[in-house]
Each structure stands twice: as structure tokens, then as C-alpha cells.
Protein backbone atom coordinates (compact mmCIF):
# COMPACT_ATOMS: atom_id res chain seq x y z
CA MET A 1 -39.97 -38.10 -34.60
CA ASP A 2 -39.35 -34.50 -35.57
CA LEU A 3 -36.62 -32.49 -33.90
CA LEU A 4 -38.19 -29.78 -31.74
CA GLN A 5 -36.75 -26.27 -31.56
CA VAL A 6 -37.74 -22.79 -30.46
CA ARG A 7 -38.56 -20.35 -33.24
CA ASN A 8 -40.17 -16.95 -32.79
CA GLY A 9 -41.02 -17.70 -29.19
CA LYS A 10 -42.72 -21.04 -29.85
CA ILE A 11 -41.67 -24.68 -29.70
CA VAL A 12 -42.14 -26.05 -33.22
CA ASP A 13 -41.54 -29.22 -35.23
CA GLU A 14 -39.41 -29.43 -38.35
CA SER A 15 -42.27 -28.06 -40.47
CA GLY A 16 -42.68 -25.04 -38.23
CA ASN A 17 -45.92 -26.25 -36.65
CA PRO A 18 -46.37 -25.37 -32.95
CA VAL A 19 -45.98 -28.29 -30.54
CA TYR A 20 -47.27 -28.08 -26.98
CA LEU A 21 -45.32 -30.38 -24.68
CA ARG A 22 -47.71 -31.80 -22.09
CA GLY A 23 -47.41 -34.85 -19.90
CA THR A 24 -45.85 -35.84 -16.61
CA CYS A 25 -42.62 -36.13 -14.65
CA VAL A 26 -41.36 -39.60 -13.79
CA GLY A 27 -39.95 -38.88 -10.35
CA GLY A 28 -38.67 -41.83 -8.35
CA PHE A 29 -37.09 -43.52 -11.36
CA MET A 30 -33.52 -42.35 -12.02
CA ASN A 31 -33.73 -40.06 -9.01
CA MET A 32 -35.55 -41.61 -6.08
CA GLU A 33 -37.47 -39.62 -3.48
CA ASP A 34 -38.74 -40.55 -0.04
CA PHE A 35 -42.45 -39.97 -0.59
CA ILE A 36 -42.41 -41.40 -4.14
CA ASN A 37 -40.56 -44.63 -3.39
CA GLY A 38 -41.71 -45.10 0.18
CA TYR A 39 -38.46 -44.85 2.14
CA PRO A 40 -37.26 -42.34 4.76
CA GLY A 41 -34.53 -39.75 4.29
CA THR A 42 -32.35 -39.48 1.20
CA GLU A 43 -31.70 -41.95 -1.59
CA SER A 44 -27.98 -42.21 -0.83
CA GLY A 45 -28.50 -42.75 2.89
CA MET A 46 -31.23 -45.33 2.33
CA LYS A 47 -29.14 -47.27 -0.20
CA ARG A 48 -26.18 -47.26 2.17
CA GLU A 49 -28.30 -48.83 4.92
CA MET A 50 -29.82 -51.34 2.50
CA THR A 51 -26.33 -52.41 1.46
CA LYS A 52 -25.44 -52.98 5.12
CA ALA A 53 -28.59 -55.01 5.76
CA LEU A 54 -28.75 -57.04 2.53
CA GLY A 55 -25.21 -57.05 1.21
CA ALA A 56 -24.08 -55.22 -1.90
CA GLY A 57 -25.27 -57.88 -4.35
CA LYS A 58 -28.81 -58.19 -3.06
CA ALA A 59 -29.21 -54.45 -2.59
CA GLU A 60 -28.10 -53.75 -6.15
CA LEU A 61 -30.44 -56.45 -7.49
CA PHE A 62 -33.36 -54.96 -5.58
CA PHE A 63 -32.82 -51.42 -6.85
CA GLU A 64 -32.08 -52.46 -10.41
CA THR A 65 -35.32 -54.47 -10.45
CA ILE A 66 -37.24 -51.45 -9.16
CA LEU A 67 -35.77 -49.41 -12.01
CA ASP A 68 -36.68 -52.11 -14.54
CA ASN A 69 -40.28 -52.02 -13.31
CA PHE A 70 -40.76 -48.33 -12.58
CA LEU A 71 -40.75 -47.05 -16.16
CA ALA A 72 -41.32 -49.77 -18.75
CA GLU A 73 -42.84 -49.47 -22.20
CA GLU A 74 -46.26 -50.28 -20.73
CA ASP A 75 -46.00 -47.15 -18.61
CA ILE A 76 -45.04 -45.00 -21.57
CA ARG A 77 -47.93 -46.47 -23.55
CA LEU A 78 -50.36 -45.55 -20.77
CA ILE A 79 -48.99 -42.01 -20.69
CA ARG A 80 -49.37 -41.71 -24.46
CA GLU A 81 -52.87 -43.22 -24.45
CA THR A 82 -53.90 -40.64 -21.86
CA GLY A 83 -53.09 -38.05 -24.51
CA ALA A 84 -49.68 -36.87 -23.36
CA ASN A 85 -46.78 -36.33 -25.73
CA CYS A 86 -43.98 -35.72 -23.25
CA ILE A 87 -42.33 -37.00 -20.09
CA ARG A 88 -39.75 -35.26 -17.95
CA ILE A 89 -37.19 -37.67 -16.49
CA PRO A 90 -35.46 -36.45 -13.32
CA LEU A 91 -31.86 -37.67 -13.26
CA SER A 92 -29.32 -38.07 -10.48
CA TYR A 93 -25.70 -37.54 -11.42
CA ARG A 94 -24.94 -40.71 -9.45
CA HIS A 95 -26.28 -42.84 -12.30
CA PHE A 96 -23.54 -41.43 -14.53
CA GLU A 97 -20.63 -40.58 -12.23
CA ASP A 98 -19.16 -41.62 -8.87
CA ASP A 99 -17.82 -39.11 -6.37
CA GLN A 100 -14.63 -41.16 -6.06
CA ASN A 101 -14.19 -41.13 -9.84
CA PRO A 102 -15.29 -37.67 -11.02
CA PHE A 103 -15.39 -37.01 -14.76
CA ILE A 104 -15.39 -40.79 -15.46
CA TYR A 105 -18.81 -41.71 -16.80
CA LYS A 106 -20.71 -44.93 -16.19
CA GLU A 107 -22.09 -46.65 -19.25
CA GLU A 108 -24.79 -48.39 -17.20
CA GLY A 109 -26.67 -45.15 -16.58
CA PHE A 110 -26.55 -44.16 -20.22
CA LYS A 111 -27.72 -47.61 -21.33
CA ARG A 112 -30.77 -47.40 -19.08
CA LEU A 113 -31.61 -43.95 -20.45
CA ASP A 114 -31.04 -45.21 -24.00
CA ALA A 115 -33.63 -47.94 -23.44
CA VAL A 116 -36.20 -45.43 -22.19
CA LEU A 117 -35.59 -43.19 -25.18
CA ASP A 118 -36.01 -46.16 -27.52
CA ALA A 119 -39.36 -47.00 -25.93
CA CYS A 120 -40.49 -43.38 -26.01
CA GLU A 121 -39.54 -43.15 -29.65
CA ARG A 122 -41.66 -46.22 -30.42
CA GLN A 123 -44.58 -44.65 -28.55
CA GLY A 124 -44.16 -41.17 -30.01
CA VAL A 125 -43.45 -39.51 -26.66
CA TYR A 126 -40.82 -36.80 -26.25
CA VAL A 127 -38.42 -36.75 -23.30
CA ILE A 128 -37.03 -33.78 -21.40
CA LEU A 129 -33.83 -34.76 -19.59
CA ASP A 130 -33.88 -33.07 -16.18
CA MET A 131 -30.74 -32.89 -14.04
CA HIS A 132 -32.49 -33.22 -10.69
CA ALA A 133 -29.61 -34.07 -8.37
CA LEU A 134 -26.25 -32.42 -9.09
CA SER A 135 -22.89 -33.12 -7.50
CA GLY A 136 -22.49 -30.72 -4.60
CA TRP A 137 -26.27 -30.15 -4.59
CA GLN A 138 -27.95 -27.19 -6.24
CA ASN A 139 -30.50 -26.89 -3.42
CA CYS A 140 -30.87 -28.00 0.18
CA HIS A 141 -33.68 -30.54 -0.05
CA TRP A 142 -34.16 -34.31 -0.16
CA HIS A 143 -35.03 -34.35 -3.86
CA SER A 144 -31.46 -33.43 -4.80
CA ASP A 145 -30.30 -36.39 -2.66
CA ASN A 146 -28.85 -33.87 -0.23
CA GLU A 147 -27.83 -35.51 3.03
CA ARG A 148 -26.22 -32.37 4.45
CA GLY A 149 -28.76 -29.62 3.72
CA ALA A 150 -26.25 -27.22 2.16
CA ALA A 151 -26.21 -26.22 -1.52
CA LEU A 152 -22.45 -26.55 -1.98
CA LEU A 153 -22.60 -26.31 -5.78
CA TRP A 154 -22.64 -22.52 -5.53
CA SER A 155 -19.46 -22.33 -3.40
CA PHE A 156 -17.18 -24.96 -4.95
CA ARG A 157 -15.78 -24.70 -8.47
CA HIS A 158 -15.09 -28.45 -8.48
CA PHE A 159 -18.81 -29.26 -8.43
CA GLN A 160 -19.57 -26.65 -11.10
CA GLU A 161 -16.94 -28.11 -13.41
CA ARG A 162 -18.40 -31.57 -12.89
CA ILE A 163 -21.92 -30.57 -13.92
CA ILE A 164 -20.60 -28.73 -16.97
CA ALA A 165 -18.64 -31.82 -18.00
CA LEU A 166 -21.57 -34.17 -17.34
CA TRP A 167 -23.84 -32.08 -19.57
CA GLU A 168 -21.16 -32.26 -22.25
CA ALA A 169 -21.25 -36.06 -22.00
CA ILE A 170 -25.06 -36.11 -22.17
CA ALA A 171 -25.07 -33.79 -25.18
CA GLN A 172 -22.50 -35.94 -26.93
CA ARG A 173 -24.64 -39.01 -26.35
CA TYR A 174 -27.99 -37.56 -27.39
CA LYS A 175 -27.25 -34.77 -29.86
CA ASP A 176 -28.82 -36.80 -32.68
CA ARG A 177 -31.81 -38.20 -30.75
CA ASN A 178 -34.98 -36.42 -31.86
CA ALA A 179 -36.96 -38.10 -29.09
CA VAL A 180 -35.10 -35.79 -26.71
CA ALA A 181 -37.17 -32.59 -26.58
CA GLY A 182 -34.42 -30.81 -24.72
CA TYR A 183 -32.18 -30.48 -21.68
CA ASP A 184 -33.49 -29.12 -18.36
CA LEU A 185 -30.11 -27.94 -17.07
CA MET A 186 -30.86 -27.82 -13.35
CA ASN A 187 -33.88 -28.64 -11.21
CA GLU A 188 -34.93 -26.06 -8.63
CA PRO A 189 -31.70 -24.15 -8.05
CA SER A 190 -31.36 -22.35 -4.72
CA THR A 191 -28.45 -19.90 -4.88
CA GLY A 192 -29.46 -17.99 -1.76
CA THR A 193 -28.86 -20.83 0.71
CA PRO A 194 -25.34 -22.14 0.02
CA THR A 195 -24.79 -23.06 3.69
CA GLY A 196 -28.30 -24.35 4.31
CA GLU A 197 -31.76 -22.92 4.85
CA HIS A 198 -32.59 -20.81 7.88
CA ALA A 199 -35.63 -18.71 8.64
CA TYR A 200 -33.48 -15.57 8.27
CA ASP A 201 -32.44 -16.37 4.67
CA PHE A 202 -35.45 -18.25 3.28
CA TYR A 203 -39.05 -17.38 2.39
CA GLU A 204 -39.50 -13.58 2.58
CA PHE A 205 -35.79 -13.10 3.42
CA TYR A 206 -34.47 -15.09 0.46
CA GLN A 207 -31.93 -13.29 -1.74
CA SER A 208 -30.87 -14.81 -5.05
CA ASP A 209 -27.25 -14.81 -6.16
CA TRP A 210 -28.05 -13.82 -9.74
CA LYS A 211 -24.42 -13.51 -10.72
CA ALA A 212 -23.78 -17.13 -9.73
CA ILE A 213 -26.76 -18.68 -11.50
CA ASN A 214 -26.41 -16.62 -14.68
CA LYS A 215 -22.73 -17.48 -14.89
CA LEU A 216 -23.27 -21.22 -14.43
CA TYR A 217 -26.19 -21.34 -16.86
CA ARG A 218 -24.05 -19.61 -19.48
CA GLU A 219 -21.13 -21.96 -18.88
CA ILE A 220 -23.29 -25.07 -19.21
CA ALA A 221 -25.04 -23.70 -22.29
CA ASP A 222 -21.77 -22.72 -23.97
CA ALA A 223 -20.33 -26.18 -23.30
CA VAL A 224 -23.42 -27.95 -24.64
CA ARG A 225 -23.59 -25.74 -27.73
CA LYS A 226 -20.07 -26.70 -28.77
CA ILE A 227 -21.46 -30.24 -29.16
CA ASP A 228 -25.21 -29.91 -29.72
CA LYS A 229 -26.59 -26.79 -31.36
CA LYS A 230 -30.00 -28.33 -32.03
CA HIS A 231 -31.77 -29.27 -28.81
CA ILE A 232 -33.77 -26.87 -26.66
CA LEU A 233 -32.21 -25.76 -23.39
CA PHE A 234 -34.70 -25.32 -20.54
CA LEU A 235 -33.72 -22.90 -17.77
CA GLU A 236 -35.48 -22.85 -14.40
CA GLY A 237 -35.84 -19.87 -12.10
CA ASP A 238 -33.98 -19.55 -8.82
CA ASN A 239 -35.48 -20.29 -5.39
CA TYR A 240 -36.98 -23.60 -6.45
CA SER A 241 -38.05 -22.28 -9.87
CA ARG A 242 -40.00 -19.34 -8.45
CA ASN A 243 -37.67 -16.34 -8.95
CA PHE A 244 -36.91 -15.06 -12.45
CA GLU A 245 -36.49 -11.31 -12.08
CA GLY A 246 -32.68 -11.43 -12.07
CA LEU A 247 -32.14 -13.98 -14.83
CA GLU A 248 -30.33 -12.41 -17.74
CA LYS A 249 -32.41 -11.95 -20.86
CA PRO A 250 -32.43 -14.92 -23.28
CA PHE A 251 -28.95 -15.20 -24.78
CA GLU A 252 -29.93 -17.37 -27.76
CA ASP A 253 -33.06 -18.29 -29.68
CA ASN A 254 -33.34 -21.97 -28.76
CA LEU A 255 -34.18 -21.44 -25.08
CA ALA A 256 -37.32 -22.12 -23.04
CA TYR A 257 -37.94 -21.30 -19.39
CA SER A 258 -39.50 -23.38 -16.64
CA SER A 259 -41.39 -22.46 -13.48
CA HIS A 260 -42.78 -24.77 -10.79
CA ASN A 261 -46.27 -23.78 -9.69
CA TYR A 262 -47.55 -25.59 -6.59
CA ILE A 263 -50.60 -23.96 -5.01
CA PRO A 264 -52.36 -24.40 -1.62
CA PRO A 265 -55.68 -25.85 -2.86
CA GLY A 266 -53.72 -28.65 -4.52
CA TYR A 267 -52.52 -29.80 -1.12
CA GLY A 268 -55.52 -29.31 1.16
CA PRO A 269 -57.12 -29.98 3.46
CA GLY A 270 -60.11 -27.84 2.63
CA THR A 271 -62.79 -27.22 0.06
CA TYR A 272 -62.24 -25.77 -3.39
CA PRO A 273 -63.17 -23.09 -4.10
CA GLY A 274 -62.37 -22.11 -0.53
CA TYR A 275 -60.05 -20.43 1.93
CA TYR A 276 -56.44 -21.48 2.44
CA GLY A 277 -54.32 -19.50 4.85
CA GLY A 278 -56.95 -16.78 4.94
CA VAL A 279 -56.94 -16.39 1.14
CA TYR A 280 -59.93 -17.35 -1.00
CA TRP A 281 -58.86 -19.63 -3.86
CA ASP A 282 -60.97 -20.15 -6.97
CA LYS A 283 -60.24 -20.13 -10.69
CA ASN A 284 -59.91 -16.36 -10.78
CA ARG A 285 -57.36 -16.49 -7.97
CA GLN A 286 -55.49 -19.27 -9.77
CA ARG A 287 -55.41 -17.23 -12.98
CA ALA A 288 -54.09 -14.19 -11.14
CA GLU A 289 -51.47 -16.29 -9.35
CA PHE A 290 -50.29 -17.71 -12.67
CA LEU A 291 -50.16 -14.34 -14.43
CA ASN A 292 -48.28 -12.75 -11.52
CA HIS A 293 -45.74 -15.58 -11.25
CA GLN A 294 -42.26 -14.34 -12.10
CA GLY A 295 -41.87 -17.18 -14.58
CA THR A 296 -44.97 -16.10 -16.50
CA GLN A 297 -43.87 -12.47 -16.39
CA PHE A 298 -40.40 -13.38 -17.71
CA ALA A 299 -41.84 -15.45 -20.57
CA LEU A 300 -44.25 -12.69 -21.60
CA LYS A 301 -41.59 -9.98 -21.39
CA HIS A 302 -39.05 -11.86 -23.49
CA HIS A 303 -41.47 -13.75 -25.78
CA VAL A 304 -40.09 -17.19 -24.89
CA PRO A 305 -41.87 -20.52 -24.30
CA LEU A 306 -42.98 -21.18 -20.73
CA TRP A 307 -43.03 -24.73 -19.41
CA VAL A 308 -44.59 -25.36 -16.01
CA GLY A 309 -42.31 -28.25 -15.19
CA GLU A 310 -43.93 -29.25 -11.88
CA PHE A 311 -47.34 -28.82 -10.29
CA GLY A 312 -50.00 -31.13 -8.95
CA SER A 313 -52.57 -32.03 -6.33
CA GLN A 314 -52.25 -34.57 -3.52
CA TYR A 315 -54.87 -37.30 -3.30
CA HIS A 316 -53.96 -39.12 -0.07
CA GLY A 317 -56.10 -37.12 2.35
CA PHE A 318 -59.71 -37.37 3.38
CA PRO A 319 -61.66 -39.32 0.72
CA GLU A 320 -64.48 -36.79 0.77
CA GLU A 321 -61.98 -34.10 -0.30
CA LEU A 322 -60.83 -35.86 -3.47
CA PRO A 323 -63.29 -33.86 -5.63
CA TYR A 324 -61.78 -30.60 -4.35
CA ARG A 325 -58.23 -31.62 -5.23
CA LEU A 326 -59.41 -32.66 -8.69
CA ALA A 327 -61.38 -29.45 -9.16
CA SER A 328 -58.32 -27.39 -8.29
CA MET A 329 -56.27 -29.40 -10.75
CA GLU A 330 -58.89 -29.02 -13.48
CA ASP A 331 -58.84 -25.25 -13.16
CA GLN A 332 -55.05 -25.19 -13.14
CA LEU A 333 -54.82 -27.32 -16.28
CA ASP A 334 -57.48 -25.29 -18.05
CA ILE A 335 -55.60 -22.06 -17.33
CA TYR A 336 -52.35 -23.51 -18.66
CA ASN A 337 -54.04 -24.79 -21.81
CA THR A 338 -55.80 -21.46 -22.36
CA PHE A 339 -52.50 -19.57 -22.20
CA GLY A 340 -50.64 -22.05 -24.41
CA VAL A 341 -48.30 -23.22 -21.67
CA HIS A 342 -46.23 -26.42 -21.85
CA TRP A 343 -46.66 -28.54 -18.71
CA THR A 344 -45.68 -31.74 -16.91
CA THR A 345 -47.46 -32.83 -13.75
CA TRP A 346 -45.65 -34.02 -10.66
CA THR A 347 -45.60 -37.03 -10.59
CA TYR A 348 -46.41 -40.23 -12.54
CA LYS A 349 -46.15 -43.10 -10.03
CA ASP A 350 -46.04 -43.12 -6.22
CA PRO A 351 -47.59 -44.81 -3.12
CA GLY A 352 -50.92 -43.02 -3.35
CA ILE A 353 -50.11 -39.31 -3.11
CA MET A 354 -49.86 -37.45 -6.45
CA GLY A 355 -49.50 -40.09 -9.12
CA TRP A 356 -51.32 -41.04 -12.28
CA VAL A 357 -50.88 -44.56 -10.91
CA PHE A 358 -50.35 -45.72 -7.33
CA LEU A 359 -48.46 -48.60 -5.80
CA ASP A 360 -51.09 -51.06 -4.59
CA PRO A 361 -51.43 -50.63 -0.79
CA GLU A 362 -51.98 -54.41 -0.61
CA SER A 363 -48.73 -55.19 -2.46
CA GLU A 364 -45.99 -57.04 -0.64
CA TYR A 365 -43.68 -54.03 -0.83
CA MET A 366 -46.20 -51.64 0.71
CA LYS A 367 -47.03 -54.10 3.49
CA ILE A 368 -43.34 -54.56 4.30
CA ILE A 369 -42.68 -50.83 4.60
CA GLN A 370 -45.98 -49.95 6.30
CA PRO A 371 -44.58 -49.75 9.88
CA VAL A 372 -41.85 -47.33 8.79
CA GLN A 373 -44.34 -45.35 6.72
CA GLU A 374 -46.44 -44.96 9.87
CA GLN A 375 -43.40 -43.82 11.85
CA LYS A 376 -42.66 -41.25 9.15
CA ARG A 377 -46.24 -40.04 9.37
CA ILE A 378 -46.16 -39.68 13.15
CA LEU A 379 -42.85 -37.84 13.07
CA GLY A 380 -43.77 -35.69 10.08
CA ALA A 381 -40.55 -36.84 8.42
CA GLU A 382 -41.73 -36.06 4.89
CA ASN A 383 -41.94 -32.31 4.60
CA PHE A 384 -43.77 -32.42 1.28
CA VAL A 385 -46.77 -34.41 2.52
CA ALA A 386 -46.77 -34.39 6.33
CA ASP A 387 -49.25 -31.53 6.74
CA TYR A 388 -52.22 -33.53 5.54
CA ALA A 389 -55.01 -34.84 7.81
CA GLY A 390 -53.82 -33.01 10.91
CA VAL A 391 -50.42 -32.00 12.16
CA ALA A 392 -48.06 -34.89 12.91
CA GLU A 393 -47.01 -35.30 16.54
CA GLY A 394 -43.39 -34.80 15.55
CA ARG A 395 -44.30 -31.49 13.97
CA LYS A 396 -46.05 -30.31 17.10
CA LYS A 397 -42.94 -30.98 19.16
CA SER A 398 -40.70 -29.45 16.51
CA ARG A 399 -42.91 -26.35 16.42
CA ALA A 400 -42.55 -25.95 20.18
CA LEU A 401 -38.75 -26.02 19.89
CA ALA A 402 -38.77 -23.65 16.91
CA ASP A 403 -40.95 -21.17 18.81
CA TYR A 404 -38.73 -21.48 21.89
CA ILE A 405 -35.64 -20.61 19.84
CA LEU A 406 -37.26 -17.39 18.60
CA ASP A 407 -38.52 -16.55 22.09
CA VAL A 408 -35.05 -16.92 23.60
CA MET A 409 -33.65 -14.71 20.84
CA GLY A 410 -36.37 -12.14 21.30
CA GLU A 411 -36.79 -12.35 17.52
CA THR A 412 -40.00 -10.80 16.23
CA ARG A 413 -39.19 -10.24 12.53
CA ILE A 414 -39.36 -13.93 11.66
CA ASP A 415 -42.72 -15.62 11.22
CA LYS A 416 -43.02 -18.52 13.65
CA ALA A 417 -44.70 -20.87 11.18
CA SER A 418 -41.99 -20.19 8.59
CA ASN A 419 -39.28 -20.81 11.18
CA ALA A 420 -40.82 -24.14 12.15
CA PHE A 421 -41.22 -25.24 8.55
CA VAL A 422 -37.61 -24.46 7.68
CA MET A 423 -36.38 -26.22 10.81
CA ASN A 424 -38.39 -29.31 9.89
CA TYR A 425 -36.26 -29.82 6.78
CA GLY A 426 -33.22 -30.34 8.97
CA VAL A 427 -34.75 -31.92 12.06
CA LEU A 428 -37.56 -34.08 10.66
CA ASN A 429 -36.91 -34.62 6.96
CA GLY A 430 -33.17 -34.76 7.56
CA TYR A 431 -32.30 -36.15 11.00
CA ALA A 432 -35.48 -38.11 11.80
CA GLY A 433 -35.64 -39.42 8.23
CA ALA A 434 -32.05 -40.64 8.45
CA MET A 435 -32.71 -42.24 11.84
CA LEU A 436 -35.49 -44.31 10.26
CA GLN A 437 -33.33 -45.61 7.43
CA PRO A 438 -31.84 -48.61 9.31
CA ALA A 439 -35.36 -49.64 10.34
CA TYR A 440 -36.49 -49.49 6.71
CA ALA A 441 -33.50 -51.57 5.60
CA ARG A 442 -34.04 -54.21 8.30
CA ARG A 443 -37.53 -54.81 6.94
CA PHE A 444 -35.90 -56.47 3.90
CA ALA A 445 -33.21 -58.45 5.70
CA GLY A 446 -33.44 -62.22 5.30
CA TYR A 447 -35.19 -62.20 1.95
CA SER A 448 -33.66 -64.21 -0.89
CA GLU A 449 -32.82 -62.75 -4.29
CA ASP A 450 -35.98 -64.30 -5.72
CA ASP A 451 -37.99 -62.74 -2.90
CA LEU A 452 -36.50 -59.31 -3.52
CA GLU A 453 -37.24 -59.49 -7.24
CA ARG A 454 -40.83 -60.45 -6.44
CA ILE A 455 -41.19 -57.63 -3.91
CA ALA A 456 -39.78 -55.10 -6.37
CA GLY A 457 -42.47 -56.24 -8.78
CA GLY A 458 -44.82 -54.00 -6.84
CA PHE A 459 -43.52 -51.11 -8.97
CA LYS A 460 -44.61 -52.80 -12.21
CA LEU A 461 -47.60 -51.13 -13.85
CA GLU A 462 -49.67 -54.33 -13.96
CA ASN A 463 -49.37 -54.53 -10.17
CA CYS A 464 -50.25 -50.88 -9.57
CA VAL A 465 -53.63 -49.17 -9.14
CA LYS A 466 -54.67 -46.51 -11.62
CA ASN A 467 -55.77 -43.17 -10.17
CA GLN A 468 -58.80 -43.32 -12.46
CA PRO A 469 -60.57 -40.06 -11.54
CA TYR A 470 -57.32 -38.20 -12.16
CA LEU A 471 -56.64 -40.09 -15.39
CA ASN A 472 -60.14 -39.24 -16.61
CA LEU A 473 -59.46 -35.57 -15.95
CA LEU A 474 -56.11 -35.74 -17.72
CA LYS A 475 -57.63 -37.44 -20.76
CA HIS A 476 -60.20 -34.64 -20.95
CA MET A 477 -57.57 -31.90 -20.67
CA LEU A 478 -55.11 -33.56 -23.07
CA HIS A 479 -57.54 -34.09 -25.96
């Protein structure tokens, strides 16, 4: 495979031919997430409860088998046969480093990543390495495995030094691997909420700490460049890859920039074209939204490649609305292709929400976790998906408390819906999700090692269900 680099504002191969990186993110693999893997709360909290319920040996066997099955060569072949040439692999630092042994790197994590790169190389698929969960947490949400809801990375030099050193180790390992398209230094940074998200410092009140993010990006880049001068560095905007206006101008040629572009008609419920939150969404609105995005504006201003690293529709709602979610996605993809944007959808495999392939709802794993999944749904303990098909009972009660807090304060500047949504991250995603973790773990107690290996087989592609209407759309847009 050719080494990819940025030249004259384009990603090119070794002959100077433009290459458009397009494919999908493989969330839930080396960085698990509640809605992707079907558990409540955070990965660390869930694994801790599983270890209590099963014992360390069985728990480790179960999770290692899930990893073996989640992204095998058969999956990469399917991705390539769909027409994609790239996957983005979200990584948790915990695969490479323990908090009790900082700066000491675990060979097991690198070996697993090596095997994926080998398979991708055989299939002709490039890989973007995405640091999704950093020590100290770069944002406040579940997807950075954040059990405390505070982005401590921005306040503690110790955590910053650890991520710099980890990127040095990754660069040393992969500096000569052409299958690596580049390094996504940090997923969805949130510098404006170092002590947690509140309605007074999020949404319309959010203020980026541009000095902090520019400094850390430079430090990571400088450290990597002492080892690897060849691979592309991908930099995301602040505020969950939405804010770019304060990023310093590109400081070297081999940089690309990444925005995340989720839009209301991708979630539903509702028709498309149609109204969402009082705004009419159609292809023209989508085009305007894309062109006005700070990431797009930054890329155009500085003549640098733009990679939309995450976007997607959700397909788990009313069956009659599936065509609307697909129609929204088709327009989004067509706009990106028209403007020569690099893109990776979120996400490849999950229990029937956004994936190219779904876990079979009749699989043993899905049947085992079904009662806890239903409890999550009732409580609204997955902030990313809980809005669909009516408001969860837990959200109604949470909204009442959130409104009451503002009423007692006499606060009128803060939007009540925004206040409730922010509070849900802590109360429902965080606390309620954590409360459900022992119940999830107990569902697996008593199973033998052979049983657990069989159950984990539900993540194997041959046991999954293809999201065929979506795959058909992707094949059309990728060819």
C-alpha cells in the first residue's frame, strides 16, 4: 500500500494522485460504548462489575473473545467489498497503559492492533488510529470511558504528559506501516468543561480554552514528528469536533482536520424532508449546514483536507421511518462526495442502531441482556439514543427535576430543554447507567468458560444481521 500524505491541500498517494478516504468507524472494538456493545454505563465500570460477578479469568476471556470476533478479517473484507477504503479505529489508552503503571506500555494492545493492520493491509484498507479515550479524559461523556464526568486532561499536566508519551510509543510502533493513513490525535475534545458539563457552560454558553488545546496539539505533534515525519496528523475541533474558529492556523503541511457532523433528521423521529425542532430540513438545508460548519470554514480558509470523522443515521425507531433516515443519509453522503470530503460513518457494528451490521436480536447475547436493555430504555440511560420513539419515563422525571432547579433559582437565561439534557448525562447516563451495571453482570454469572465463548460469538460477523438497505446505499455512494 502507498504511504498517504497531504500535499497542496489534498491527501495523495506516493504518485501524487488524490485519495479520498471513505469508510466507517469501528466503535465498540478497542473502545467499548454502552449503546454499541449493549451494556449500561461506562466500559471501566461495567468490566469491574463483570470481574466481580464472573471472576477475573472468566471476565477477561469473555472480553477478549468479543474483541476477537468484533473486527476480524471477514469484517474488513465486507467493508472493502462495500467500496470503502478506510476504517477509523477508536482506541482506549487502557489497552496500552494501566493507571497504576503509567508510561509502561502493554504489548497485548499493540499486538491486537498489529493483527488488524495486517488484515487491513491484505484487504487494501487504510486505518486511521483514533485516540478516543485518553487518560484523565478529554471530554465528559461515556465514549471517553469517563466515570466521573469531568474532563481532567485539561487541568492536570500528568495526564497531558501521558498522552504525549503514548503517542510517541504509537508513532514508534507504526512509523513504517503504510496501512496507517494517519493519527487522529484526540477524539472530541471539550476544553470548556474541565470540571464537568452544566447548562451554564455548555451549548450556547460554551467557551473553548483555545490556548490549552492549541498547546497540547502542538506538543503531541512535535513529539510524534521527532519519530515519524511521514504520517498524516488529523486534528479535531473543540466542543466535540464542532468548534474550529480558535484553532491556530496549520503549522505544517502534513495536517488534515476533522469535524463531526450529526444532524437532526438522522436521528428522527419524523419525515425527511421535514421539520425538526421547528426547522425544515432538506438537502438544501443540509448543504447550508455543512458549508456553515466551522470545520468546513476552517478547511476552506486554510486549504487543508477536511475529514468528517463521524456522522450517521439511527435505524432503530419506527419501521415506517427507515426510508426517511436513509434519505437523510443519502443526501448527506452526496453532499460530502460532491465537495470532495473524506468521511467515516459512525458506526460499523452495533445492536441495531447505526451499524452497517447489527447483532442478531435472537442471538444468545442479546437475549441475555434484553432485560437490562429494557431498563436502560425506560430510564433513558443512553443519552445518544434514548429520545427515539417517545420520551423515556426516566427522562420525564429527570426533566421535572431539571425544571424545578431552574424555577427555584429563578433562572430564565438557560433553556429548560438544554438544562435537562445536560443533567441527563450525569443523572441518567452516569448514575442510572452505573446502577444498572451489577444487574448486567449478574446476567452472565454461572456460565462456564465454554458458555461465555459461545455467547461472545454473537459479535462474529457470520452471526450478525446485515443492515442491507443501508449497505445498498453505501455501495451506491462508494462506487
